[in-house]
Amino acid sequence: MSASSAARRVTGPLLAAGAIVSALTLPAAAQGHDRRQYPRVEISAVRADNPESDDRSNRSLNAEWVEITNTTRGGISLRGWTLRDGYGNRYRFGDVRINSQSTIRIHTGTGRDSRTDLYQGRRDYVWDNRADTATLCDDRNRVVDTETWGDRH
C-alpha cells in the first residue's frame, strides 16, 4: 500500500468527524432554527384575574391587562395590529409605536394612553380568569404570538 493511499484512508474519516463536530457546535441561529418573517414582538405577561374584587369598576377593569414586549433592537409600529381573546373580543392598535426593548401594557378599561399604557375603553372584562387565549396579530392578520392559560375544553 502506498503512503498516499494510507493517508486517504486516515484523512477521510477525520474530515467527516470534523464536519460533524462543526455542525454540532454551530449556534442555533446559524443553523436556521429561529427564522422569523416579522420583528419579534411577544406577549410577555397576562393578568386575567384581578387580584381584588371583580366589581366592574374602571379600577377593577384596568387591573386586567396584557403586556406586549418588543425584544428587538429597533422600534416597531403596531398600527393595525390586533390583540384578541378566545371568544372574539378584539382590540386594534392605532398609531402606536413600541420602542426597542420596551413593554406596553394594554388595560381593559378606560384611561389616557401613554407610551407604556394603552386602554381598550371597555366596560366589561375581556380575559377569562380560568381559561383563555390572548392572540397578537400583525397588520396583515398573521399570528405573531399567543399566550394560553387554563383548560378550554
Protein backbone atom coordinates (compact mmCIF):
# COMPACT_ATOMS: atom_id res chain seq x y z
CA MET A 1 0.00 0.00 0.00
CA SER A 2 1.37 3.40 -0.92
CA ALA A 3 1.76 6.28 1.51
CA SER A 4 -0.83 8.39 -0.36
CA SER A 5 -3.38 5.54 -0.21
CA ALA A 6 -2.87 5.18 3.54
CA ALA A 7 -3.16 8.96 4.02
CA ARG A 8 -6.51 8.97 2.14
CA ARG A 9 -7.85 6.17 4.35
CA VAL A 10 -6.99 8.09 7.53
CA THR A 11 -7.86 11.60 6.29
CA GLY A 12 -11.36 10.73 5.01
CA PRO A 13 -12.80 9.63 8.38
CA LEU A 14 -11.03 12.50 10.18
CA LEU A 15 -12.59 15.09 7.84
CA ALA A 16 -16.03 13.53 8.26
CA ALA A 17 -15.68 13.59 12.06
CA GLY A 18 -14.57 17.23 11.92
CA ALA A 19 -17.60 18.17 9.83
CA ILE A 20 -19.95 16.50 12.32
CA VAL A 21 -18.34 18.25 15.29
CA SER A 22 -18.52 21.62 13.50
CA ALA A 23 -22.21 21.18 12.69
CA LEU A 24 -22.99 20.29 16.30
CA THR A 25 -21.19 23.30 17.72
CA LEU A 26 -22.79 25.97 15.50
CA PRO A 27 -25.11 28.34 17.37
CA ALA A 28 -28.82 27.61 16.89
CA ALA A 29 -29.38 30.87 14.98
CA ALA A 30 -26.66 29.95 12.50
CA GLN A 31 -28.38 26.62 11.93
CA GLY A 32 -31.61 28.41 10.94
CA HIS A 33 -33.75 27.31 13.90
CA ASP A 34 -35.02 30.80 14.74
CA ARG A 35 -36.03 32.33 11.41
CA ARG A 36 -38.98 34.72 11.61
CA GLN A 37 -40.87 36.63 8.94
CA TYR A 38 -41.62 39.58 11.22
CA PRO A 39 -39.94 41.53 14.01
CA ARG A 40 -40.04 39.81 17.39
CA VAL A 41 -42.83 41.26 19.46
CA GLU A 42 -44.32 38.97 22.07
CA ILE A 43 -46.98 38.69 24.72
CA SER A 44 -44.78 38.85 27.79
CA ALA A 45 -47.39 38.75 30.59
CA VAL A 46 -51.14 38.49 31.16
CA ARG A 47 -53.15 39.34 34.24
CA ALA A 48 -56.58 37.92 33.53
CA ASP A 49 -57.74 37.69 37.13
CA ASN A 50 -57.95 40.96 39.03
CA PRO A 51 -56.37 40.34 42.45
CA GLU A 52 -59.13 42.43 44.06
CA SER A 53 -62.89 42.11 43.58
CA ASP A 54 -64.46 41.88 40.11
CA ASP A 55 -66.91 44.74 40.59
CA ARG A 56 -66.72 46.13 37.02
CA SER A 57 -65.35 49.46 38.26
CA ASN A 58 -62.84 51.12 35.94
CA ARG A 59 -60.13 50.43 38.52
CA SER A 60 -61.02 46.73 38.52
CA LEU A 61 -61.20 46.59 34.70
CA ASN A 62 -57.76 48.21 34.41
CA ALA A 63 -56.29 45.67 36.83
CA GLU A 64 -56.85 43.19 33.97
CA TRP A 65 -54.16 43.61 31.28
CA VAL A 66 -51.83 42.09 28.69
CA GLU A 67 -48.21 43.15 28.25
CA ILE A 68 -46.58 43.26 24.81
CA THR A 69 -42.77 43.44 24.64
CA ASN A 70 -40.50 44.39 21.72
CA THR A 71 -37.36 42.28 22.08
CA THR A 72 -35.64 43.73 19.01
CA ARG A 73 -33.05 46.49 18.67
CA GLY A 74 -35.40 48.84 16.81
CA GLY A 75 -38.79 50.45 17.36
CA ILE A 76 -41.82 48.83 15.69
CA SER A 77 -45.12 50.34 14.57
CA LEU A 78 -48.14 48.44 15.88
CA ARG A 79 -50.58 50.37 13.68
CA GLY A 80 -53.30 47.95 12.53
CA TRP A 81 -52.10 45.10 14.78
CA THR A 82 -54.75 43.36 16.91
CA LEU A 83 -54.97 41.68 20.29
CA ARG A 84 -57.88 39.27 20.71
CA ASP A 85 -59.19 36.75 23.18
CA GLY A 86 -60.53 33.25 22.57
CA TYR A 87 -64.13 34.49 22.44
CA GLY A 88 -63.77 37.03 19.62
CA ASN A 89 -63.18 40.26 21.56
CA ARG A 90 -60.62 42.32 19.64
CA TYR A 91 -58.54 45.42 20.30
CA ARG A 92 -56.99 47.18 17.28
CA PHE A 93 -53.86 49.26 17.83
CA GLY A 94 -53.97 52.79 16.47
CA ASP A 95 -50.91 54.90 15.72
CA VAL A 96 -48.75 53.17 18.35
CA ARG A 97 -45.01 52.60 18.27
CA ILE A 98 -43.25 50.28 20.70
CA ASN A 99 -39.65 51.23 21.30
CA SER A 100 -36.71 48.85 21.30
CA GLN A 101 -36.56 46.56 24.35
CA SER A 102 -39.79 48.13 25.69
CA THR A 103 -43.10 46.88 27.03
CA ILE A 104 -46.62 48.25 26.60
CA ARG A 105 -49.46 47.23 28.93
CA ILE A 106 -52.94 47.06 27.37
CA HIS A 107 -55.62 47.57 30.05
CA THR A 108 -59.26 46.54 29.62
CA GLY A 109 -60.94 49.69 30.99
CA THR A 110 -60.65 53.37 30.12
CA GLY A 111 -57.76 55.76 30.69
CA ARG A 112 -55.31 58.08 28.97
CA ASP A 113 -52.99 56.28 26.55
CA SER A 114 -49.25 56.76 27.07
CA ARG A 115 -46.02 55.21 25.76
CA THR A 116 -46.29 52.44 28.35
CA ASP A 117 -50.05 52.01 28.89
CA LEU A 118 -52.95 51.67 26.45
CA TYR A 119 -56.65 51.36 27.27
CA GLN A 120 -59.28 49.37 25.40
CA GLY A 121 -62.14 51.52 26.75
CA ARG A 122 -64.36 48.55 27.67
CA ARG A 123 -66.98 48.41 30.39
CA ASP A 124 -66.78 44.63 30.85
CA TYR A 125 -63.97 42.12 31.38
CA VAL A 126 -62.26 40.58 28.34
CA TRP A 127 -59.96 37.90 29.70
CA ASP A 128 -61.49 34.80 31.27
CA ASN A 129 -59.99 34.19 34.71
CA ARG A 130 -59.92 30.40 34.40
CA ALA A 131 -59.08 29.74 30.75
CA ASP A 132 -58.50 31.87 27.65
CA THR A 133 -56.03 32.63 24.87
CA ALA A 134 -54.53 36.03 24.05
CA THR A 135 -53.51 36.29 20.39
CA LEU A 136 -51.39 39.08 18.94
CA CYS A 137 -51.64 39.55 15.15
CA ASP A 138 -49.76 41.94 12.89
CA ASP A 139 -51.34 44.35 10.40
CA ARG A 140 -51.70 41.51 7.85
CA ASN A 141 -53.54 39.34 10.40
CA ARG A 142 -50.60 36.94 10.79
CA VAL A 143 -50.31 35.48 14.29
CA VAL A 144 -47.23 36.95 15.97
CA ASP A 145 -47.65 35.36 19.41
CA THR A 146 -50.20 33.63 21.65
CA GLU A 147 -50.49 33.05 25.37
CA THR A 148 -52.91 30.43 26.69
CA TRP A 149 -53.87 29.68 30.29
CA GLY A 150 -56.22 27.16 31.87
CA ASP A 151 -58.07 24.38 30.09
CA ARG A 152 -60.61 25.47 27.46
CA HIS A 153 -62.26 22.06 26.83
